Amino acid sequence: MAGKKQFDVGVALDAAMVQFWRAGHAATSVDDLSRATGLNRSSLYSSFGDKDALYLRCLDRYAERYGHRYDLALSRAAEEPLPAVRAFFDVTLERIADPDVPDGCLVAQTAMAAPVLSPAIAARAAEALGFQRARLRTALTAARLAEDTADDFAVHLAAVNQSLAVLSRAGASGRHLRTVVDVSVTALAHAVRAGA
């Protein structure tokens, strides 16, 4: 049938996402994307727009894929805040340990490169980080932490979560990453007990 796409858009987006995640926006050429997706340049442009438009689609796909997992992990925060936050970090640690995806985090990587990216991409990365803080704040508020304490811990835990991705990309061991998580959960445990 004329005009019908002859490829799976989701598969192509996943391949492009992994390419961007592995090499970064600046180091990924349209030819790299063509090789990764199996689509010629014309098909890439007609299906996804320019490189920046494709990158934005990949950021959205990444945020949807992992955002759902973070939401699920934090869904029991009202009843069990510490296990919920540990499960939140487990989403990141499991992603880091997954041999099928690159080390690090596409959002963290994008945020670090924001000064040299388009304003739209930089804004999308900042938005994703904001969603992460909001997700944590909602969970911590549900756990009956005072609002200012929930705000402070949401900022802290979101920063720790991004640091896990950066540390993993720099070669930190799983044990080292677990230690970072343990220190943060211990600090949260003190706040939870103090607020009880």
N, C-alpha and C. Protein backbone atom coordinates (compact mmCIF):
# COMPACT_ATOMS: atom_id res chain seq x y z
N MET A 1 0.85 -1.18 0.00
CA MET A 1 0.00 0.00 0.00
C MET A 1 0.90 1.25 0.00
N ALA A 2 0.67 2.16 -0.89
CA ALA A 2 1.49 3.35 -1.04
C ALA A 2 1.39 4.23 0.19
N GLY A 3 2.54 4.77 0.59
CA GLY A 3 2.57 5.70 1.71
C GLY A 3 2.59 5.05 3.08
N LYS A 4 2.43 3.75 3.18
CA LYS A 4 2.42 3.08 4.47
C LYS A 4 3.86 2.78 4.91
N LYS A 5 4.16 3.09 6.18
CA LYS A 5 5.49 2.81 6.70
C LYS A 5 5.72 1.30 6.70
N GLN A 6 6.89 0.92 6.24
CA GLN A 6 7.23 -0.49 6.16
C GLN A 6 8.19 -0.90 7.27
N PHE A 7 8.14 -0.21 8.39
CA PHE A 7 9.01 -0.55 9.51
C PHE A 7 8.26 -0.28 10.80
N ASP A 8 8.74 -0.88 11.88
CA ASP A 8 8.14 -0.70 13.19
C ASP A 8 8.74 0.57 13.82
N VAL A 9 7.90 1.58 14.02
CA VAL A 9 8.36 2.86 14.56
C VAL A 9 8.99 2.68 15.94
N GLY A 10 8.38 1.85 16.78
CA GLY A 10 8.91 1.62 18.13
C GLY A 10 10.30 1.01 18.10
N VAL A 11 10.51 0.05 17.21
CA VAL A 11 11.83 -0.58 17.10
C VAL A 11 12.86 0.44 16.64
N ALA A 12 12.48 1.26 15.66
CA ALA A 12 13.40 2.29 15.16
C ALA A 12 13.71 3.31 16.25
N LEU A 13 12.71 3.72 17.02
CA LEU A 13 12.95 4.67 18.11
C LEU A 13 13.86 4.07 19.18
N ASP A 14 13.65 2.79 19.49
CA ASP A 14 14.51 2.14 20.48
C ASP A 14 15.96 2.12 20.00
N ALA A 15 16.16 1.80 18.72
CA ALA A 15 17.52 1.75 18.17
C ALA A 15 18.16 3.13 18.19
N ALA A 16 17.40 4.15 17.82
CA ALA A 16 17.93 5.51 17.85
C ALA A 16 18.22 5.94 19.28
N MET A 17 17.33 5.59 20.21
CA MET A 17 17.52 5.95 21.60
C MET A 17 18.82 5.36 22.14
N VAL A 18 19.07 4.09 21.85
CA VAL A 18 20.29 3.44 22.32
C VAL A 18 21.52 4.09 21.70
N GLN A 19 21.44 4.45 20.41
CA GLN A 19 22.56 5.13 19.76
C GLN A 19 22.85 6.47 20.43
N PHE A 20 21.83 7.27 20.66
CA PHE A 20 22.03 8.55 21.34
C PHE A 20 22.55 8.34 22.76
N TRP A 21 22.00 7.36 23.45
CA TRP A 21 22.37 7.05 24.83
C TRP A 21 23.83 6.64 24.89
N ARG A 22 24.26 5.83 23.95
CA ARG A 22 25.63 5.33 23.94
C ARG A 22 26.64 6.44 23.60
N ALA A 23 26.33 7.23 22.58
CA ALA A 23 27.32 8.18 22.06
C ALA A 23 27.04 9.64 22.39
N GLY A 24 25.80 9.96 22.78
CA GLY A 24 25.44 11.35 23.02
C GLY A 24 24.94 12.01 21.74
N HIS A 25 24.29 13.14 21.91
CA HIS A 25 23.70 13.85 20.78
C HIS A 25 24.77 14.33 19.81
N ALA A 26 25.78 15.02 20.32
CA ALA A 26 26.79 15.65 19.45
C ALA A 26 27.58 14.62 18.65
N ALA A 27 27.90 13.50 19.27
CA ALA A 27 28.74 12.49 18.61
C ALA A 27 27.94 11.53 17.72
N THR A 28 26.64 11.69 17.67
CA THR A 28 25.80 10.83 16.83
C THR A 28 25.43 11.57 15.56
N SER A 29 25.82 11.01 14.44
CA SER A 29 25.49 11.61 13.15
C SER A 29 24.22 10.98 12.59
N VAL A 30 23.67 11.60 11.58
CA VAL A 30 22.50 11.03 10.92
C VAL A 30 22.87 9.68 10.30
N ASP A 31 24.10 9.55 9.80
CA ASP A 31 24.56 8.26 9.27
C ASP A 31 24.59 7.20 10.37
N ASP A 32 25.02 7.57 11.58
CA ASP A 32 24.99 6.64 12.71
C ASP A 32 23.57 6.19 12.99
N LEU A 33 22.64 7.14 12.96
CA LEU A 33 21.23 6.81 13.20
C LEU A 33 20.68 5.92 12.11
N SER A 34 21.11 6.18 10.89
CA SER A 34 20.67 5.35 9.77
C SER A 34 21.15 3.91 9.95
N ARG A 35 22.41 3.76 10.33
CA ARG A 35 22.95 2.40 10.56
C ARG A 35 22.23 1.73 11.72
N ALA A 36 22.01 2.47 12.80
CA ALA A 36 21.39 1.89 14.00
C ALA A 36 19.95 1.45 13.74
N THR A 37 19.22 2.24 12.99
CA THR A 37 17.79 1.96 12.77
C THR A 37 17.53 1.11 11.54
N GLY A 38 18.51 1.07 10.62
CA GLY A 38 18.30 0.36 9.36
C GLY A 38 17.49 1.18 8.35
N LEU A 39 17.27 2.46 8.66
CA LEU A 39 16.50 3.34 7.78
C LEU A 39 17.45 4.27 7.03
N ASN A 40 17.13 4.55 5.78
CA ASN A 40 17.95 5.51 5.06
C ASN A 40 17.65 6.92 5.56
N ARG A 41 18.51 7.85 5.17
CA ARG A 41 18.37 9.23 5.66
C ARG A 41 17.00 9.81 5.33
N SER A 42 16.53 9.53 4.12
CA SER A 42 15.24 10.06 3.69
C SER A 42 14.11 9.55 4.58
N SER A 43 14.15 8.27 4.88
CA SER A 43 13.11 7.68 5.75
C SER A 43 13.18 8.25 7.16
N LEU A 44 14.40 8.45 7.65
CA LEU A 44 14.55 9.04 8.99
C LEU A 44 13.92 10.43 9.03
N TYR A 45 14.28 11.26 8.05
CA TYR A 45 13.76 12.63 8.04
C TYR A 45 12.25 12.66 7.85
N SER A 46 11.74 11.83 6.94
CA SER A 46 10.30 11.87 6.69
C SER A 46 9.49 11.31 7.86
N SER A 47 10.08 10.38 8.60
CA SER A 47 9.36 9.76 9.70
C SER A 47 9.51 10.50 11.02
N PHE A 48 10.68 11.08 11.25
CA PHE A 48 10.97 11.65 12.57
C PHE A 48 11.38 13.11 12.55
N GLY A 49 11.61 13.68 11.40
CA GLY A 49 12.11 15.05 11.32
C GLY A 49 13.62 15.07 11.42
N ASP A 50 14.16 16.20 11.83
CA ASP A 50 15.62 16.32 11.92
C ASP A 50 16.16 15.60 13.16
N LYS A 51 17.47 15.65 13.33
CA LYS A 51 18.12 14.94 14.43
C LYS A 51 17.59 15.39 15.79
N ASP A 52 17.37 16.70 15.96
CA ASP A 52 16.86 17.19 17.24
C ASP A 52 15.45 16.67 17.52
N ALA A 53 14.62 16.64 16.49
CA ALA A 53 13.25 16.13 16.66
C ALA A 53 13.27 14.65 17.05
N LEU A 54 14.16 13.89 16.43
CA LEU A 54 14.29 12.47 16.77
C LEU A 54 14.80 12.31 18.20
N TYR A 55 15.75 13.14 18.58
CA TYR A 55 16.29 13.07 19.94
C TYR A 55 15.18 13.33 20.96
N LEU A 56 14.34 14.33 20.69
CA LEU A 56 13.23 14.61 21.60
C LEU A 56 12.29 13.42 21.72
N ARG A 57 12.01 12.77 20.60
CA ARG A 57 11.16 11.56 20.63
C ARG A 57 11.82 10.47 21.48
N CYS A 58 13.14 10.34 21.34
CA CYS A 58 13.85 9.32 22.11
C CYS A 58 13.85 9.65 23.60
N LEU A 59 14.02 10.92 23.95
CA LEU A 59 13.93 11.31 25.36
C LEU A 59 12.57 10.99 25.94
N ASP A 60 11.52 11.27 25.18
CA ASP A 60 10.16 10.96 25.62
C ASP A 60 9.98 9.46 25.81
N ARG A 61 10.49 8.69 24.88
CA ARG A 61 10.36 7.23 24.96
C ARG A 61 11.09 6.70 26.19
N TYR A 62 12.28 7.23 26.43
CA TYR A 62 13.06 6.83 27.59
C TYR A 62 12.32 7.18 28.88
N ALA A 63 11.81 8.40 28.96
CA ALA A 63 11.09 8.85 30.17
C ALA A 63 9.84 8.01 30.41
N GLU A 64 9.14 7.65 29.35
CA GLU A 64 7.94 6.81 29.50
C GLU A 64 8.32 5.42 30.00
N ARG A 65 9.35 4.84 29.39
CA ARG A 65 9.75 3.47 29.75
C ARG A 65 10.16 3.37 31.21
N TYR A 66 11.01 4.27 31.65
CA TYR A 66 11.50 4.16 33.02
C TYR A 66 10.60 4.89 34.01
N GLY A 67 9.90 5.92 33.59
CA GLY A 67 8.99 6.64 34.47
C GLY A 67 7.92 5.72 35.04
N HIS A 68 7.38 4.85 34.21
CA HIS A 68 6.37 3.88 34.66
C HIS A 68 6.94 3.00 35.78
N ARG A 69 8.18 2.58 35.63
CA ARG A 69 8.81 1.71 36.63
C ARG A 69 9.03 2.46 37.95
N TYR A 70 9.45 3.72 37.83
CA TYR A 70 9.63 4.53 39.04
C TYR A 70 8.30 4.74 39.76
N ASP A 71 7.25 5.02 39.00
CA ASP A 71 5.93 5.21 39.60
C ASP A 71 5.47 3.96 40.33
N LEU A 72 5.67 2.82 39.72
CA LEU A 72 5.28 1.55 40.34
C LEU A 72 6.07 1.33 41.64
N ALA A 73 7.36 1.60 41.60
CA ALA A 73 8.20 1.42 42.80
C ALA A 73 7.73 2.30 43.94
N LEU A 74 7.35 3.52 43.63
CA LEU A 74 6.96 4.47 44.68
C LEU A 74 5.49 4.36 45.09
N SER A 75 4.74 3.51 44.43
CA SER A 75 3.29 3.45 44.67
C SER A 75 2.93 3.01 46.09
N ARG A 76 3.84 2.36 46.78
CA ARG A 76 3.54 1.91 48.15
C ARG A 76 4.20 2.79 49.21
N ALA A 77 4.62 4.00 48.82
CA ALA A 77 5.35 4.88 49.74
C ALA A 77 4.53 5.26 50.96
N ALA A 78 3.22 5.39 50.84
CA ALA A 78 2.39 5.78 51.98
C ALA A 78 2.46 4.75 53.10
N GLU A 79 2.51 3.46 52.72
CA GLU A 79 2.55 2.39 53.71
C GLU A 79 3.98 2.02 54.10
N GLU A 80 4.88 2.00 53.12
CA GLU A 80 6.25 1.55 53.35
C GLU A 80 7.23 2.49 52.64
N PRO A 81 7.48 3.66 53.22
CA PRO A 81 8.30 4.64 52.50
C PRO A 81 9.72 4.19 52.21
N LEU A 82 10.36 3.53 53.16
CA LEU A 82 11.76 3.15 52.93
C LEU A 82 11.89 2.05 51.88
N PRO A 83 11.10 0.97 51.95
CA PRO A 83 11.18 -0.01 50.86
C PRO A 83 10.79 0.59 49.50
N ALA A 84 9.86 1.54 49.50
CA ALA A 84 9.45 2.16 48.24
C ALA A 84 10.60 2.96 47.63
N VAL A 85 11.30 3.72 48.46
CA VAL A 85 12.43 4.49 47.95
C VAL A 85 13.55 3.56 47.51
N ARG A 86 13.77 2.49 48.25
CA ARG A 86 14.79 1.52 47.84
C ARG A 86 14.39 0.90 46.50
N ALA A 87 13.11 0.60 46.31
CA ALA A 87 12.64 0.05 45.04
C ALA A 87 12.81 1.07 43.91
N PHE A 88 12.62 2.35 44.22
CA PHE A 88 12.87 3.42 43.25
C PHE A 88 14.31 3.36 42.77
N PHE A 89 15.25 3.28 43.72
CA PHE A 89 16.66 3.18 43.33
C PHE A 89 16.95 1.87 42.60
N ASP A 90 16.24 0.81 42.96
CA ASP A 90 16.45 -0.47 42.27
C ASP A 90 16.14 -0.37 40.78
N VAL A 91 15.17 0.46 40.42
CA VAL A 91 14.88 0.66 38.99
C VAL A 91 16.13 1.15 38.28
N THR A 92 16.80 2.12 38.88
CA THR A 92 18.03 2.66 38.30
C THR A 92 19.14 1.62 38.30
N LEU A 93 19.32 0.93 39.41
CA LEU A 93 20.41 -0.06 39.51
C LEU A 93 20.19 -1.22 38.54
N GLU A 94 18.94 -1.62 38.37
CA GLU A 94 18.65 -2.70 37.40
C GLU A 94 18.92 -2.23 35.97
N ARG A 95 18.57 -0.98 35.66
CA ARG A 95 18.86 -0.44 34.33
C ARG A 95 20.37 -0.40 34.11
N ILE A 96 21.10 0.05 35.12
CA ILE A 96 22.56 0.12 35.02
C ILE A 96 23.15 -1.26 34.78
N ALA A 97 22.61 -2.27 35.43
CA ALA A 97 23.13 -3.64 35.31
C ALA A 97 22.66 -4.35 34.04
N ASP A 98 21.71 -3.78 33.34
CA ASP A 98 21.14 -4.42 32.14
C ASP A 98 22.17 -4.39 31.01
N PRO A 99 22.62 -5.56 30.55
CA PRO A 99 23.64 -5.57 29.49
C PRO A 99 23.10 -5.14 28.13
N ASP A 100 21.80 -5.03 28.00
CA ASP A 100 21.20 -4.67 26.71
C ASP A 100 21.07 -3.18 26.48
N VAL A 101 21.41 -2.37 27.50
CA VAL A 101 21.35 -0.91 27.34
C VAL A 101 22.69 -0.32 27.77
N PRO A 102 23.01 0.88 27.28
CA PRO A 102 24.27 1.51 27.68
C PRO A 102 24.28 1.88 29.16
N ASP A 103 25.48 2.10 29.69
CA ASP A 103 25.60 2.59 31.06
C ASP A 103 25.04 4.00 31.14
N GLY A 104 24.74 4.42 32.36
CA GLY A 104 24.31 5.78 32.56
C GLY A 104 22.82 5.97 32.36
N CYS A 105 22.46 7.21 32.06
CA CYS A 105 21.06 7.62 31.94
C CYS A 105 20.97 8.65 30.81
N LEU A 106 20.06 8.44 29.90
CA LEU A 106 19.92 9.37 28.77
C LEU A 106 19.54 10.77 29.26
N VAL A 107 18.72 10.86 30.29
CA VAL A 107 18.32 12.18 30.80
C VAL A 107 19.51 12.88 31.46
N ALA A 108 20.25 12.16 32.30
CA ALA A 108 21.43 12.76 32.96
C ALA A 108 22.45 13.19 31.92
N GLN A 109 22.68 12.35 30.96
CA GLN A 109 23.63 12.65 29.89
C GLN A 109 23.21 13.91 29.13
N THR A 110 21.92 14.02 28.88
CA THR A 110 21.39 15.18 28.16
C THR A 110 21.52 16.44 29.02
N ALA A 111 21.20 16.32 30.30
CA ALA A 111 21.31 17.48 31.20
C ALA A 111 22.74 17.99 31.26
N MET A 112 23.71 17.07 31.29
CA MET A 112 25.11 17.49 31.36
C MET A 112 25.56 18.18 30.08
N ALA A 113 24.95 17.83 28.97
CA ALA A 113 25.32 18.44 27.68
C ALA A 113 24.44 19.64 27.33
N ALA A 114 23.53 20.01 28.22
CA ALA A 114 22.54 21.06 27.92
C ALA A 114 23.12 22.35 27.34
N PRO A 115 24.27 22.82 27.81
CA PRO A 115 24.78 24.09 27.26
C PRO A 115 25.06 24.06 25.75
N VAL A 116 25.29 22.88 25.19
CA VAL A 116 25.60 22.82 23.76
C VAL A 116 24.46 22.21 22.94
N LEU A 117 23.33 21.96 23.59
CA LEU A 117 22.18 21.41 22.89
C LEU A 117 21.18 22.51 22.57
N SER A 118 20.21 22.17 21.72
CA SER A 118 19.18 23.15 21.39
C SER A 118 18.38 23.47 22.65
N PRO A 119 17.80 24.67 22.72
CA PRO A 119 16.97 25.02 23.88
C PRO A 119 15.83 24.02 24.12
N ALA A 120 15.25 23.49 23.05
CA ALA A 120 14.14 22.54 23.21
C ALA A 120 14.60 21.26 23.89
N ILE A 121 15.78 20.76 23.52
CA ILE A 121 16.29 19.53 24.13
C ILE A 121 16.69 19.80 25.58
N ALA A 122 17.37 20.91 25.83
CA ALA A 122 17.77 21.25 27.19
C ALA A 122 16.53 21.39 28.08
N ALA A 123 15.49 22.01 27.56
CA ALA A 123 14.26 22.18 28.33
C ALA A 123 13.59 20.84 28.62
N ARG A 124 13.62 19.92 27.65
CA ARG A 124 13.01 18.60 27.86
C ARG A 124 13.76 17.82 28.94
N ALA A 125 15.09 17.94 28.97
CA ALA A 125 15.87 17.27 30.01
C ALA A 125 15.54 17.86 31.38
N ALA A 126 15.46 19.18 31.46
CA ALA A 126 15.11 19.83 32.73
C ALA A 126 13.71 19.41 33.18
N GLU A 127 12.81 19.29 32.22
CA GLU A 127 11.44 18.86 32.53
C GLU A 127 11.43 17.44 33.10
N ALA A 128 12.22 16.55 32.49
CA ALA A 128 12.30 15.16 32.97
C ALA A 128 12.86 15.11 34.38
N LEU A 129 13.87 15.92 34.66
CA LEU A 129 14.42 15.97 36.02
C LEU A 129 13.38 16.52 37.00
N GLY A 130 12.62 17.50 36.55
CA GLY A 130 11.55 18.05 37.39
C GLY A 130 10.47 17.02 37.70
N PHE A 131 10.13 16.19 36.70
CA PHE A 131 9.16 15.12 36.93
C PHE A 131 9.68 14.15 37.98
N GLN A 132 10.98 13.87 37.92
CA GLN A 132 11.56 12.93 38.89
C GLN A 132 11.45 13.50 40.32
N ARG A 133 11.77 14.77 40.49
CA ARG A 133 11.64 15.39 41.81
C ARG A 133 10.18 15.39 42.26
N ALA A 134 9.28 15.72 41.35
CA ALA A 134 7.85 15.76 41.70
C ALA A 134 7.33 14.38 42.09
N ARG A 135 7.77 13.37 41.38
CA ARG A 135 7.38 11.98 41.67
C ARG A 135 7.82 11.62 43.08
N LEU A 136 9.05 11.95 43.42
CA LEU A 136 9.57 11.65 44.76
C LEU A 136 8.86 12.48 45.83
N ARG A 137 8.62 13.75 45.54
CA ARG A 137 7.95 14.61 46.51
C ARG A 137 6.55 14.08 46.82
N THR A 138 5.83 13.67 45.80
CA THR A 138 4.48 13.13 46.01
C THR A 138 4.54 11.89 46.89
N ALA A 139 5.50 11.02 46.62
CA ALA A 139 5.62 9.78 47.40
C ALA A 139 6.00 10.09 48.84
N LEU A 140 6.91 11.03 49.05
CA LEU A 140 7.35 11.34 50.41
C LEU A 140 6.28 12.08 51.19
N THR A 141 5.50 12.89 50.53
CA THR A 141 4.37 13.55 51.17
C THR A 141 3.32 12.51 51.58
N ALA A 142 3.10 11.52 50.70
CA ALA A 142 2.17 10.44 51.03
C ALA A 142 2.66 9.63 52.23
N ALA A 143 3.98 9.62 52.42
CA ALA A 143 4.57 8.92 53.57
C ALA A 143 4.51 9.77 54.84
N ARG A 144 3.81 10.90 54.75
CA ARG A 144 3.56 11.79 55.87
C ARG A 144 4.80 12.53 56.37
N LEU A 145 5.75 12.77 55.48
CA LEU A 145 6.83 13.67 55.83
C LEU A 145 6.31 15.10 55.72
N ALA A 146 6.82 15.99 56.54
CA ALA A 146 6.45 17.39 56.44
C ALA A 146 6.80 17.90 55.05
N GLU A 147 6.05 18.86 54.56
CA GLU A 147 6.23 19.32 53.18
C GLU A 147 7.65 19.80 52.90
N ASP A 148 8.22 20.58 53.82
CA ASP A 148 9.58 21.07 53.56
C ASP A 148 10.59 19.93 53.57
N THR A 149 10.40 18.95 54.43
CA THR A 149 11.29 17.78 54.47
C THR A 149 11.11 16.95 53.21
N ALA A 150 9.86 16.77 52.78
CA ALA A 150 9.60 16.03 51.54
C ALA A 150 10.26 16.74 50.35
N ASP A 151 10.16 18.06 50.32
CA ASP A 151 10.80 18.83 49.24
C ASP A 151 12.31 18.61 49.25
N ASP A 152 12.91 18.74 50.44
CA ASP A 152 14.37 18.60 50.54
C ASP A 152 14.83 17.21 50.12
N PHE A 153 14.12 16.19 50.61
CA PHE A 153 14.52 14.83 50.25
C PHE A 153 14.24 14.52 48.77
N ALA A 154 13.20 15.10 48.21
CA ALA A 154 12.95 14.89 46.78
C ALA A 154 14.10 15.43 45.96
N VAL A 155 14.58 16.61 46.29
CA VAL A 155 15.74 17.18 45.59
C VAL A 155 16.96 16.28 45.78
N HIS A 156 17.19 15.88 47.03
CA HIS A 156 18.37 15.05 47.33
C HIS A 156 18.31 13.70 46.62
N LEU A 157 17.19 13.00 46.74
CA LEU A 157 17.09 11.66 46.17
C LEU A 157 17.14 11.69 44.65
N ALA A 158 16.55 12.70 44.04
CA ALA A 158 16.64 12.83 42.58
C ALA A 158 18.09 13.05 42.16
N ALA A 159 18.81 13.88 42.93
CA ALA A 159 20.23 14.12 42.61
C ALA A 159 21.05 12.85 42.78
N VAL A 160 20.78 12.10 43.84
CA VAL A 160 21.48 10.83 44.06
C VAL A 160 21.20 9.87 42.90
N ASN A 161 19.94 9.82 42.49
CA ASN A 161 19.57 8.92 41.40
C ASN A 161 20.35 9.24 40.13
N GLN A 162 20.47 10.53 39.82
CA GLN A 162 21.24 10.91 38.63
C GLN A 162 22.72 10.63 38.82
N SER A 163 23.20 10.80 40.05
CA SER A 163 24.63 10.53 40.28
C SER A 163 24.95 9.05 40.10
N LEU A 164 24.01 8.17 40.41
CA LEU A 164 24.23 6.74 40.18
C LEU A 164 24.52 6.48 38.71
N ALA A 165 23.76 7.15 37.84
CA ALA A 165 23.95 6.97 36.41
C ALA A 165 25.32 7.48 35.97
N VAL A 166 25.71 8.64 36.51
CA VAL A 166 27.01 9.22 36.15
C VAL A 166 28.13 8.33 36.67
N LEU A 167 28.02 7.89 37.92
CA LEU A 167 29.05 7.03 38.50
C LEU A 167 29.16 5.71 37.73
N SER A 168 28.03 5.15 37.32
CA SER A 168 28.08 3.89 36.58
C SER A 168 28.80 4.06 35.25
N ARG A 169 28.56 5.18 34.62
CA ARG A 169 29.21 5.45 33.33
C ARG A 169 30.71 5.62 33.51
N ALA A 170 31.10 6.07 34.70
CA ALA A 170 32.52 6.24 35.01
C ALA A 170 33.16 4.95 35.53
N GLY A 171 32.37 3.86 35.59
CA GLY A 171 32.91 2.56 35.95
C GLY A 171 32.76 2.15 37.40
N ALA A 172 31.95 2.84 38.18
CA ALA A 172 31.76 2.46 39.58
C ALA A 172 31.15 1.07 39.67
N SER A 173 31.54 0.33 40.69
CA SER A 173 31.03 -1.03 40.86
C SER A 173 29.60 -1.00 41.40
N GLY A 174 28.91 -2.12 41.23
CA GLY A 174 27.57 -2.26 41.78
C GLY A 174 27.57 -2.09 43.29
N ARG A 175 28.61 -2.58 43.96
CA ARG A 175 28.72 -2.45 45.41
C ARG A 175 28.84 -0.98 45.81
N HIS A 176 29.64 -0.24 45.08
CA HIS A 176 29.82 1.19 45.33
C HIS A 176 28.48 1.92 45.17
N LEU A 177 27.74 1.59 44.11
CA LEU A 177 26.45 2.24 43.87
C LEU A 177 25.45 1.90 44.97
N ARG A 178 25.47 0.66 45.44
CA ARG A 178 24.57 0.26 46.54
C ARG A 178 24.90 1.01 47.82
N THR A 179 26.18 1.28 48.05
CA THR A 179 26.58 2.05 49.22
C THR A 179 26.00 3.46 49.17
N VAL A 180 26.03 4.08 47.99
CA VAL A 180 25.44 5.41 47.82
C VAL A 180 23.95 5.38 48.16
N VAL A 181 23.25 4.36 47.67
CA VAL A 181 21.83 4.20 47.95
C VAL A 181 21.60 4.00 49.44
N ASP A 182 22.40 3.12 50.06
CA ASP A 182 22.22 2.82 51.49
C ASP A 182 22.35 4.07 52.35
N VAL A 183 23.32 4.92 52.05
CA VAL A 183 23.51 6.15 52.83
C VAL A 183 22.29 7.05 52.70
N SER A 184 21.75 7.17 51.49
CA SER A 184 20.58 8.02 51.29
C SER A 184 19.34 7.46 51.98
N VAL A 185 19.14 6.17 51.91
CA VAL A 185 17.97 5.56 52.55
C VAL A 185 18.10 5.66 54.08
N THR A 186 19.32 5.53 54.59
CA THR A 186 19.53 5.69 56.03
C THR A 186 19.19 7.11 56.48
N ALA A 187 19.60 8.10 55.71
CA ALA A 187 19.26 9.49 56.04
C ALA A 187 17.74 9.69 56.01
N LEU A 188 17.08 9.11 55.02
CA LEU A 188 15.63 9.21 54.94
C LEU A 188 14.97 8.51 56.13
N ALA A 189 15.51 7.38 56.54
CA ALA A 189 14.95 6.65 57.69
C ALA A 189 14.96 7.52 58.94
N HIS A 190 16.03 8.29 59.15
CA HIS A 190 16.10 9.20 60.30
C HIS A 190 14.99 10.25 60.22
N ALA A 191 14.77 10.79 59.03
CA ALA A 191 13.73 11.81 58.85
C ALA A 191 12.35 11.23 59.07
N VAL A 192 12.13 10.00 58.58
CA VAL A 192 10.84 9.36 58.76
C VAL A 192 10.56 9.12 60.24
N ARG A 193 11.59 8.63 60.96
CA ARG A 193 11.42 8.38 62.40
C ARG A 193 11.18 9.69 63.15
N ALA A 194 11.90 10.74 62.77
CA ALA A 194 11.73 12.03 63.45
C ALA A 194 10.35 12.62 63.22
N GLY A 195 9.77 12.33 62.05
CA GLY A 195 8.46 12.86 61.73
C GLY A 195 7.32 12.02 62.26
N ALA A 196 7.63 10.82 62.74
CA ALA A 196 6.57 9.91 63.20
C ALA A 196 6.01 10.35 64.55
